[in-house]
C-alpha atoms as a PDB file:
ATOM      1  CA  UNK A   1     -34.575-232.646 -19.664  1.00  0.00           C
ATOM      2  CA  UNK A   2     -36.609-230.349 -17.435  1.00  0.00           C
ATOM      3  CA  UNK A   3     -40.264-229.385 -17.767  1.00  0.00           C
ATOM      4  CA  UNK A   4     -39.357-225.917 -16.442  1.00  0.00           C
ATOM      5  CA  UNK A   5     -36.522-225.752 -19.026  1.00  0.00           C
ATOM      6  CA  UNK A   6     -34.033-224.283 -16.532  1.00  0.00           C
ATOM      7  CA  UNK A   7     -32.911-227.294 -14.406  1.00  0.00           C
ATOM      8  CA  UNK A   8     -33.537-225.330 -11.207  1.00  0.00           C
ATOM      9  CA  UNK A   9     -35.208-226.404  -7.981  1.00  0.00           C
ATOM     10  CA  UNK A  10     -37.871-224.293  -6.263  1.00  0.00           C
ATOM     11  CA  UNK A  11     -35.151-222.712  -4.111  1.00  0.00           C
ATOM     12  CA  UNK A  12     -33.268-221.781  -7.326  1.00  0.00           C
ATOM     13  CA  UNK A  13     -30.468-224.285  -6.706  1.00  0.00           C
ATOM     14  CA  UNK A  14     -29.219-226.310  -9.682  1.00  0.00           C
ATOM     15  CA  UNK A  15     -31.113-229.611  -9.839  1.00  0.00           C
ATOM     16  CA  UNK A  16     -28.854-232.667  -9.894  1.00  0.00           C
ATOM     17  CA  UNK A  17     -31.276-235.035  -8.129  1.00  0.00           C
ATOM     18  CA  UNK A  18     -34.757-234.818  -9.725  1.00  0.00           C
ATOM     19  CA  UNK A  19     -37.798-236.103  -7.843  1.00  0.00           C
ATOM     20  CA  UNK A  20     -39.800-239.115  -8.994  1.00  0.00           C
ATOM     21  CA  UNK A  21     -42.161-237.043 -11.159  1.00  0.00           C
ATOM     22  CA  UNK A  22     -39.276-235.381 -12.952  1.00  0.00           C
ATOM     23  CA  UNK A  23     -37.490-238.714 -13.347  1.00  0.00           C
ATOM     24  CA  UNK A  24     -40.571-240.157 -15.073  1.00  0.00           C
ATOM     25  CA  UNK A  25     -40.753-237.092 -17.325  1.00  0.00           C
ATOM     26  CA  UNK A  26     -37.069-237.504 -18.170  1.00  0.00           C
ATOM     27  CA  UNK A  27     -37.423-241.248 -18.788  1.00  0.00           C
ATOM     28  CA  UNK A  28     -40.145-240.715 -21.398  1.00  0.00           C
ATOM     29  CA  UNK A  29     -38.295-237.891 -23.116  1.00  0.00           C
ATOM     30  CA  UNK A  30     -35.002-239.774 -22.983  1.00  0.00           C
ATOM     31  CA  UNK A  31     -36.606-242.586 -24.981  1.00  0.00           C
ATOM     32  CA  UNK A  32     -37.999-240.134 -27.536  1.00  0.00           C
ATOM     33  CA  UNK A  33     -34.579-238.578 -28.124  1.00  0.00           C
ATOM     34  CA  UNK A  34     -33.333-241.934 -29.433  1.00  0.00           C
ATOM     35  CA  UNK A  35     -35.134-241.158 -32.701  1.00  0.00           C
ATOM     36  CA  UNK A  36     -33.140-237.982 -33.344  1.00  0.00           C
ATOM     37  CA  UNK A  37     -30.256-238.111 -35.835  1.00  0.00           C
ATOM     38  CA  UNK A  38     -28.379-234.950 -34.871  1.00  0.00           C
ATOM     39  CA  UNK A  39     -28.496-232.782 -31.779  1.00  0.00           C
ATOM     40  CA  UNK A  40     -27.304-229.187 -32.061  1.00  0.00           C
ATOM     41  CA  UNK A  41     -26.821-227.033 -28.985  1.00  0.00           C
ATOM     42  CA  UNK A  42     -25.686-223.404 -28.533  1.00  0.00           C
ATOM     43  CA  UNK A  43     -22.723-224.257 -26.283  1.00  0.00           C
ATOM     44  CA  UNK A  44     -20.315-226.993 -25.250  1.00  0.00           C
ATOM     45  CA  UNK A  45     -21.802-226.778 -21.773  1.00  0.00           C
ATOM     46  CA  UNK A  46     -25.218-227.801 -23.109  1.00  0.00           C
ATOM     47  CA  UNK A  47     -23.749-230.778 -24.959  1.00  0.00           C
ATOM     48  CA  UNK A  48     -22.000-231.926 -21.776  1.00  0.00           C
ATOM     49  CA  UNK A  49     -25.216-231.470 -19.770  1.00  0.00           C
ATOM     50  CA  UNK A  50     -27.155-233.575 -22.263  1.00  0.00           C
ATOM     51  CA  UNK A  51     -24.504-236.303 -22.176  1.00  0.00           C
ATOM     52  CA  UNK A  52     -24.364-236.271 -18.376  1.00  0.00           C
ATOM     53  CA  UNK A  53     -28.127-236.777 -18.177  1.00  0.00           C
ATOM     54  CA  UNK A  54     -28.025-239.459 -20.912  1.00  0.00           C
ATOM     55  CA  UNK A  55     -30.249-237.776 -23.478  1.00  0.00           C
ATOM     56  CA  UNK A  56     -29.753-238.131 -27.261  1.00  0.00           C
ATOM     57  CA  UNK A  57     -27.413-241.082 -26.702  1.00  0.00           C
ATOM     58  CA  UNK A  58     -27.891-242.354 -30.268  1.00  0.00           C
ATOM     59  CA  UNK A  59     -27.548-238.938 -31.897  1.00  0.00           C
ATOM     60  CA  UNK A  60     -24.584-237.086 -33.316  1.00  0.00           C
ATOM     61  CA  UNK A  61     -23.793-234.008 -31.218  1.00  0.00           C
ATOM     62  CA  UNK A  62     -22.692-230.671 -32.611  1.00  0.00           C
ATOM     63  CA  UNK A  63     -22.201-227.217 -31.080  1.00  0.00           C
ATOM     64  CA  UNK A  64     -23.716-224.393 -33.119  1.00  0.00           C
ATOM     65  CA  UNK A  65     -23.333-221.134 -31.272  1.00  0.00           C
ATOM     66  CA  UNK A  66     -26.146-218.599 -31.299  1.00  0.00           C
ATOM     67  CA  UNK A  67     -25.399-215.739 -33.660  1.00  0.00           C
ATOM     68  CA  UNK A  68     -26.251-212.105 -34.207  1.00  0.00           C
ATOM     69  CA  UNK A  69     -26.212-209.561 -37.007  1.00  0.00           C
ATOM     70  CA  UNK A  70     -23.741-206.704 -36.756  1.00  0.00           C
ATOM     71  CA  UNK A  71     -21.811-204.247 -38.870  1.00  0.00           C
ATOM     72  CA  UNK A  72     -18.084-204.622 -38.271  1.00  0.00           C
ATOM     73  CA  UNK A  73     -17.398-200.959 -39.007  1.00  0.00           C
ATOM     74  CA  UNK A  74     -20.019-199.828 -36.478  1.00  0.00           C
ATOM     75  CA  UNK A  75     -18.669-202.206 -33.843  1.00  0.00           C
ATOM     76  CA  UNK A  76     -15.137-200.947 -34.471  1.00  0.00           C
ATOM     77  CA  UNK A  77     -16.336-197.362 -33.963  1.00  0.00           C
ATOM     78  CA  UNK A  78     -18.097-198.312 -30.717  1.00  0.00           C
ATOM     79  CA  UNK A  79     -15.004-200.091 -29.421  1.00  0.00           C
ATOM     80  CA  UNK A  80     -12.754-197.153 -30.300  1.00  0.00           C
ATOM     81  CA  UNK A  81     -14.805-194.563 -28.403  1.00  0.00           C
ATOM     82  CA  UNK A  82     -12.821-192.982 -25.568  1.00  0.00           C
ATOM     83  CA  UNK A  83     -14.350-192.023 -22.237  1.00  0.00           C
ATOM     84  CA  UNK A  84     -14.681-188.316 -21.532  1.00  0.00           C
ATOM     85  CA  UNK A  85     -14.627-188.746 -17.745  1.00  0.00           C
ATOM     86  CA  UNK A  86     -13.660-191.215 -15.010  1.00  0.00           C
ATOM     87  CA  UNK A  87     -17.197-192.480 -14.338  1.00  0.00           C
ATOM     88  CA  UNK A  88     -17.765-196.173 -15.070  1.00  0.00           C
ATOM     89  CA  UNK A  89     -21.381-197.198 -15.654  1.00  0.00           C
ATOM     90  CA  UNK A  90     -22.121-200.881 -15.123  1.00  0.00           C
ATOM     91  CA  UNK A  91     -25.339-202.272 -16.557  1.00  0.00           C
ATOM     92  CA  UNK A  92     -27.480-205.355 -15.938  1.00  0.00           C
ATOM     93  CA  UNK A  93     -29.959-206.457 -18.620  1.00  0.00           C
ATOM     94  CA  UNK A  94     -32.451-209.283 -18.169  1.00  0.00           C
ATOM     95  CA  UNK A  95     -34.845-210.859 -15.709  1.00  0.00           C
ATOM     96  CA  UNK A  96     -34.803-209.760 -12.095  1.00  0.00           C
ATOM     97  CA  UNK A  97     -34.829-213.283 -10.659  1.00  0.00           C
ATOM     98  CA  UNK A  98     -33.042-215.019  -7.794  1.00  0.00           C
ATOM     99  CA  UNK A  99     -31.045-217.324 -10.079  1.00  0.00           C
ATOM    100  CA  UNK A 100     -29.810-214.345 -12.108  1.00  0.00           C
ATOM    101  CA  UNK A 101     -27.646-213.177  -9.201  1.00  0.00           C
ATOM    102  CA  UNK A 102     -29.398-209.858  -8.549  1.00  0.00           C
ATOM    103  CA  UNK A 103     -28.724-210.001  -4.796  1.00  0.00           C
ATOM    104  CA  UNK A 104     -25.028-210.711  -5.374  1.00  0.00           C
ATOM    105  CA  UNK A 105     -24.744-207.768  -7.760  1.00  0.00           C
ATOM    106  CA  UNK A 106     -26.487-205.358  -5.402  1.00  0.00           C
ATOM    107  CA  UNK A 107     -24.324-206.435  -2.467  1.00  0.00           C
ATOM    108  CA  UNK A 108     -21.125-206.135  -4.491  1.00  0.00           C
ATOM    109  CA  UNK A 109     -21.985-202.710  -5.870  1.00  0.00           C
ATOM    110  CA  UNK A 110     -23.169-201.287  -2.558  1.00  0.00           C
ATOM    111  CA  UNK A 111     -19.812-202.284  -1.052  1.00  0.00           C
ATOM    112  CA  UNK A 112     -17.927-200.299  -3.691  1.00  0.00           C
ATOM    113  CA  UNK A 113     -16.407-197.170  -2.198  1.00  0.00           C
ATOM    114  CA  UNK A 114     -15.923-195.371  -5.505  1.00  0.00           C
ATOM    115  CA  UNK A 115     -18.081-192.327  -6.194  1.00  0.00           C
ATOM    116  CA  UNK A 116     -17.308-192.809  -9.900  1.00  0.00           C
ATOM    117  CA  UNK A 117     -19.328-196.031 -10.141  1.00  0.00           C
ATOM    118  CA  UNK A 118     -22.846-196.181 -11.550  1.00  0.00           C
ATOM    119  CA  UNK A 119     -25.161-199.199 -11.903  1.00  0.00           C
ATOM    120  CA  UNK A 120     -28.155-199.360 -14.234  1.00  0.00           C
ATOM    121  CA  UNK A 121     -30.782-202.120 -14.152  1.00  0.00           C
ATOM    122  CA  UNK A 122     -33.051-202.769 -17.143  1.00  0.00           C
ATOM    123  CA  UNK A 123     -35.640-205.549 -17.075  1.00  0.00           C
ATOM    124  CA  UNK A 124     -38.356-206.883 -14.799  1.00  0.00           C
ATOM    125  CA  UNK A 125     -39.074-209.686 -12.330  1.00  0.00           C
ATOM    126  CA  UNK A 126     -39.729-210.472  -8.688  1.00  0.00           C
ATOM    127  CA  UNK A 127     -36.640-208.511  -7.587  1.00  0.00           C
ATOM    128  CA  UNK A 128     -37.934-205.234  -9.070  1.00  0.00           C
ATOM    129  CA  UNK A 129     -39.016-203.786  -5.719  1.00  0.00           C
ATOM    130  CA  UNK A 130     -35.640-204.573  -4.165  1.00  0.00           C
ATOM    131  CA  UNK A 131     -33.879-202.797  -7.034  1.00  0.00           C
ATOM    132  CA  UNK A 132     -36.168-199.771  -6.759  1.00  0.00           C
ATOM    133  CA  UNK A 133     -35.521-199.572  -3.016  1.00  0.00           C
ATOM    134  CA  UNK A 134     -31.764-199.834  -3.599  1.00  0.00           C
ATOM    135  CA  UNK A 135     -31.968-196.988  -6.127  1.00  0.00           C
ATOM    136  CA  UNK A 136     -33.700-194.787  -3.550  1.00  0.00           C
ATOM    137  CA  UNK A 137     -31.012-195.450  -0.937  1.00  0.00           C
ATOM    138  CA  UNK A 138     -28.013-195.197  -3.290  1.00  0.00           C
ATOM    139  CA  UNK A 139     -27.993-192.387  -5.868  1.00  0.00           C
ATOM    140  CA  UNK A 140     -25.411-194.317  -7.906  1.00  0.00           C
ATOM    141  CA  UNK A 141     -28.043-196.970  -8.759  1.00  0.00           C
ATOM    142  CA  UNK A 142     -30.686-196.357 -11.446  1.00  0.00           C
ATOM    143  CA  UNK A 143     -33.664-198.479 -12.532  1.00  0.00           C
ATOM    144  CA  UNK A 144     -34.416-197.942 -16.230  1.00  0.00           C
ATOM    145  CA  UNK A 145     -37.516-200.160 -16.363  1.00  0.00           C
ATOM    146  CA  UNK A 146     -38.352-202.723 -19.047  1.00  0.00           C
ATOM    147  CA  UNK A 147     -36.940-201.624 -22.413  1.00  0.00           C
ATOM    148  CA  UNK A 148     -37.560-202.593 -26.029  1.00  0.00           C
ATOM    149  CA  UNK A 149     -34.761-203.534 -28.421  1.00  0.00           C
ATOM    150  CA  UNK A 150     -34.054-199.993 -29.650  1.00  0.00           C
ATOM    151  CA  UNK A 151     -34.059-198.630 -26.095  1.00  0.00           C
ATOM    152  CA  UNK A 152     -31.632-201.358 -25.008  1.00  0.00           C
ATOM    153  CA  UNK A 153     -29.214-200.413 -27.798  1.00  0.00           C
ATOM    154  CA  UNK A 154     -29.453-196.764 -26.756  1.00  0.00           C
ATOM    155  CA  UNK A 155     -28.826-197.655 -23.106  1.00  0.00           C
ATOM    156  CA  UNK A 156     -25.800-199.810 -23.925  1.00  0.00           C
ATOM    157  CA  UNK A 157     -24.279-196.912 -25.850  1.00  0.00           C
ATOM    158  CA  UNK A 158     -24.359-194.890 -22.616  1.00  0.00           C
ATOM    159  CA  UNK A 159     -22.806-197.602 -20.451  1.00  0.00           C
ATOM    160  CA  UNK A 160     -19.300-199.022 -20.068  1.00  0.00           C
ATOM    161  CA  UNK A 161     -19.414-202.594 -18.707  1.00  0.00           C
ATOM    162  CA  UNK A 162     -22.122-205.281 -18.765  1.00  0.00           C
ATOM    163  CA  UNK A 163     -22.531-207.475 -15.675  1.00  0.00           C
ATOM    164  CA  UNK A 164     -23.926-211.042 -15.886  1.00  0.00           C
ATOM    165  CA  UNK A 165     -23.851-212.369 -12.286  1.00  0.00           C
ATOM    166  CA  UNK A 166     -25.835-215.553 -12.990  1.00  0.00           C
ATOM    167  CA  UNK A 167     -26.090-218.357 -10.435  1.00  0.00           C
ATOM    168  CA  UNK A 168     -27.380-221.008 -12.839  1.00  0.00           C
ATOM    169  CA  UNK A 169     -26.090-222.796 -15.938  1.00  0.00           C
ATOM    170  CA  UNK A 170     -26.913-220.287 -18.657  1.00  0.00           C
ATOM    171  CA  UNK A 171     -27.161-222.264 -21.922  1.00  0.00           C
ATOM    172  CA  UNK A 172     -25.689-219.322 -23.806  1.00  0.00           C
ATOM    173  CA  UNK A 173     -25.833-215.583 -23.023  1.00  0.00           C
ATOM    174  CA  UNK A 174     -27.118-213.575 -25.983  1.00  0.00           C
ATOM    175  CA  UNK A 175     -26.997-210.317 -24.016  1.00  0.00           C
ATOM    176  CA  UNK A 176     -23.195-210.572 -24.025  1.00  0.00           C
ATOM    177  CA  UNK A 177     -23.161-210.355 -27.824  1.00  0.00           C
ATOM    178  CA  UNK A 178     -25.331-207.234 -27.611  1.00  0.00           C
ATOM    179  CA  UNK A 179     -22.800-205.757 -25.201  1.00  0.00           C
ATOM    180  CA  UNK A 180     -19.882-206.550 -27.516  1.00  0.00           C
ATOM    181  CA  UNK A 181     -21.716-204.889 -30.421  1.00  0.00           C
ATOM    182  CA  UNK A 182     -21.933-201.699 -28.369  1.00  0.00           C
ATOM    183  CA  UNK A 183     -18.294-201.847 -27.280  1.00  0.00           C
ATOM    184  CA  UNK A 184     -18.871-203.078 -23.720  1.00  0.00           C
ATOM    185  CA  UNK A 185     -16.610-205.605 -21.977  1.00  0.00           C
ATOM    186  CA  UNK A 186     -18.381-208.040 -19.649  1.00  0.00           C
ATOM    187  CA  UNK A 187     -18.089-209.245 -16.071  1.00  0.00           C
ATOM    188  CA  UNK A 188     -19.734-212.686 -15.945  1.00  0.00           C
ATOM    189  CA  UNK A 189     -20.093-215.639 -13.618  1.00  0.00           C
ATOM    190  CA  UNK A 190     -17.853-218.611 -14.262  1.00  0.00           C
ATOM    191  CA  UNK A 191     -20.812-220.913 -14.828  1.00  0.00           C
ATOM    192  CA  UNK A 192     -22.759-222.473 -17.672  1.00  0.00           C
ATOM    193  CA  UNK A 193     -21.831-221.276 -21.149  1.00  0.00           C
ATOM    194  CA  UNK A 194     -20.728-217.799 -20.067  1.00  0.00           C
ATOM    195  CA  UNK A 195     -16.993-218.712 -20.011  1.00  0.00           C
ATOM    196  CA  UNK A 196     -17.328-219.762 -23.662  1.00  0.00           C
ATOM    197  CA  UNK A 197     -18.357-216.213 -24.617  1.00  0.00           C
ATOM    198  CA  UNK A 198     -16.327-214.082 -22.197  1.00  0.00           C
ATOM    199  CA  UNK A 199     -12.578-214.455 -22.657  1.00  0.00           C
ATOM    200  CA  UNK A 200     -10.888-213.968 -19.279  1.00  0.00           C
ATOM    201  CA  UNK A 201      -8.709-210.866 -19.225  1.00  0.00           C
ATOM    202  CA  UNK A 202      -9.390-210.217 -22.921  1.00  0.00           C
ATOM    203  CA  UNK A 203     -13.062-209.321 -23.314  1.00  0.00           C
ATOM    204  CA  UNK A 204     -13.885-209.120 -19.623  1.00  0.00           C
ATOM    205  CA  UNK A 205     -13.566-210.835 -16.261  1.00  0.00           C
ATOM    206  CA  UNK A 206     -14.986-214.123 -14.953  1.00  0.00           C
ATOM    207  CA  UNK A 207     -15.936-214.500 -11.280  1.00  0.00           C
ATOM    208  CA  UNK A 208     -17.240-217.365  -9.187  1.00  0.00           C
ATOM    209  CA  UNK A 209     -21.054-217.242  -8.985  1.00  0.00           C
ATOM    210  CA  UNK A 210     -22.578-215.832  -5.813  1.00  0.00           C
ATOM    211  CA  UNK A 211     -19.307-214.420  -4.434  1.00  0.00           C
ATOM    212  CA  UNK A 212     -19.951-210.696  -4.004  1.00  0.00           C
ATOM    213  CA  UNK A 213     -16.354-209.856  -3.030  1.00  0.00           C
ATOM    214  CA  UNK A 214     -15.064-211.291  -6.317  1.00  0.00           C
ATOM    215  CA  UNK A 215     -17.669-209.324  -8.230  1.00  0.00           C
ATOM    216  CA  UNK A 216     -16.752-206.147  -6.356  1.00  0.00           C
ATOM    217  CA  UNK A 217     -13.065-206.688  -7.119  1.00  0.00           C
ATOM    218  CA  UNK A 218     -13.869-207.214 -10.799  1.00  0.00           C
ATOM    219  CA  UNK A 219     -15.754-203.922 -10.923  1.00  0.00           C
ATOM    220  CA  UNK A 220     -12.829-202.222  -9.196  1.00  0.00           C
ATOM    221  CA  UNK A 221     -10.531-203.509 -11.952  1.00  0.00           C
ATOM    222  CA  UNK A 222     -12.413-201.316 -14.415  1.00  0.00           C
ATOM    223  CA  UNK A 223     -12.773-198.408 -11.987  1.00  0.00           C
ATOM    224  CA  UNK A 224      -9.098-198.327 -11.036  1.00  0.00           C
ATOM    225  CA  UNK A 225      -7.568-199.000 -14.442  1.00  0.00           C
ATOM    226  CA  UNK A 226      -8.997-197.257 -17.487  1.00  0.00           C
ATOM    227  CA  UNK A 227      -6.288-198.900 -19.559  1.00  0.00           C
ATOM    228  CA  UNK A 228      -7.806-202.306 -18.814  1.00  0.00           C
ATOM    229  CA  UNK A 229     -11.192-201.103 -20.072  1.00  0.00           C
ATOM    230  CA  UNK A 230      -9.653-199.885 -23.324  1.00  0.00           C
ATOM    231  CA  UNK A 231      -7.638-203.092 -23.729  1.00  0.00           C
ATOM    232  CA  UNK A 232     -10.760-205.232 -23.366  1.00  0.00           C
ATOM    233  CA  UNK A 233     -12.646-203.068 -25.857  1.00  0.00           C
ATOM    234  CA  UNK A 234      -9.892-203.600 -28.418  1.00  0.00           C
ATOM    235  CA  UNK A 235     -10.539-207.371 -28.307  1.00  0.00           C
ATOM    236  CA  UNK A 236     -14.330-207.334 -28.620  1.00  0.00           C
ATOM    237  CA  UNK A 237     -14.693-207.328 -32.404  1.00  0.00           C
ATOM    238  CA  UNK A 238     -12.458-210.378 -32.831  1.00  0.00           C
ATOM    239  CA  UNK A 239     -14.480-212.323 -30.261  1.00  0.00           C
ATOM    240  CA  UNK A 240     -17.815-211.147 -31.644  1.00  0.00           C
ATOM    241  CA  UNK A 241     -16.770-212.325 -35.111  1.00  0.00           C
ATOM    242  CA  UNK A 242     -16.940-215.911 -33.825  1.00  0.00           C
ATOM    243  CA  UNK A 243     -20.727-215.475 -33.626  1.00  0.00           C
ATOM    244  CA  UNK A 244     -21.481-214.174 -37.126  1.00  0.00           C
ATOM    245  CA  UNK A 245     -24.739-215.413 -38.651  1.00  0.00           C
ATOM    246  CA  UNK A 246     -22.837-216.458 -41.788  1.00  0.00           C
ATOM    247  CA  UNK A 247     -20.708-218.849 -39.739  1.00  0.00           C
ATOM    248  CA  UNK A 248     -23.779-220.249 -38.004  1.00  0.00           C
ATOM    249  CA  UNK A 249     -25.542-220.810 -41.343  1.00  0.00           C
ATOM    250  CA  UNK A 250     -22.480-222.530 -42.811  1.00  0.00           C
ATOM    251  CA  UNK A 251     -22.286-224.860 -39.817  1.00  0.00           C
ATOM    252  CA  UNK A 252     -25.955-225.815 -40.121  1.00  0.00           C
ATOM    253  CA  UNK A 253     -25.547-226.380 -43.866  1.00  0.00           C
ATOM    254  CA  UNK A 254     -22.635-228.765 -43.282  1.00  0.00           C
ATOM    255  CA  UNK A 255     -24.667-230.699 -40.701  1.00  0.00           C
ATOM    256  CA  UNK A 256     -27.699-230.993 -43.008  1.00  0.00           C
ATOM    257  CA  UNK A 257     -25.525-232.038 -45.950  1.00  0.00           C
ATOM    258  CA  UNK A 258     -23.772-234.699 -43.897  1.00  0.00           C
ATOM    259  CA  UNK A 259     -26.932-236.239 -42.470  1.00  0.00           C
ATOM    260  CA  UNK A 260     -28.656-236.278 -45.888  1.00  0.00           C
ATOM    261  CA  UNK A 261     -25.610-237.967 -47.389  1.00  0.00           C
ATOM    262  CA  UNK A 262     -25.578-240.589 -44.631  1.00  0.00           C
ATOM    263  CA  UNK A 263     -29.249-241.343 -45.283  1.00  0.00           C
ATOM    264  CA  UNK A 264     -28.727-241.206 -49.051  1.00  0.00           C
ATOM    265  CA  UNK A 265     -31.348-238.484 -49.445  1.00  0.00           C
ATOM    266  CA  UNK A 266     -31.191-235.751 -52.075  1.00  0.00           C
END
């Protein structure tokens, strides 16, 4: 649908009116998708986006959520851990790009009055310098650099709440599953597939994208009410269980079996 794969304009706004070059690219690819029997996508949002842009019109459509491996006992232990102090450490993991909402997050956090708030950034991108400068000015902000998988798991175990302030239509949000595995509720933008993974008031809070006051208020919910943090943590394992690899594999197997039966193959 988009040669850049993200459906964003140069100014990072969501593209709903492609230029002539992009329309030609889409026309060719739209024709090619007519030869596909089944389309699977990692979210309902992606299916709706495909249908809106008239791709895969002759295909069957099926949502197959991305999945992750986890040990239920370990997740239960992580979710049951109690805080030893009143400090709440928020964490952002991912690319430091305009469409990821970095500016909104910085503005929201810097407007927090609480001395018990901490914010950790891990990743890289064109906003790195801005984050480093913010960390110099505000001792509550820390830049952890670009981390590997084991370092990310270690960092998450030291944090309390993941923040996903995206401004664009995220097709899924794998980092949220990583947060759940470590016992972290999530504050996420109400955009793209994020509302399919974050259950409002149960596993976290949803906010309108780009609205720093809403994001600040969401962070204050965790800072001002430790009971809310613990309540959200108690719901994480049940939500995470929706994204087990076994369930994903079973869904794919059913799709393959159905399409082979329809074509009288095997």
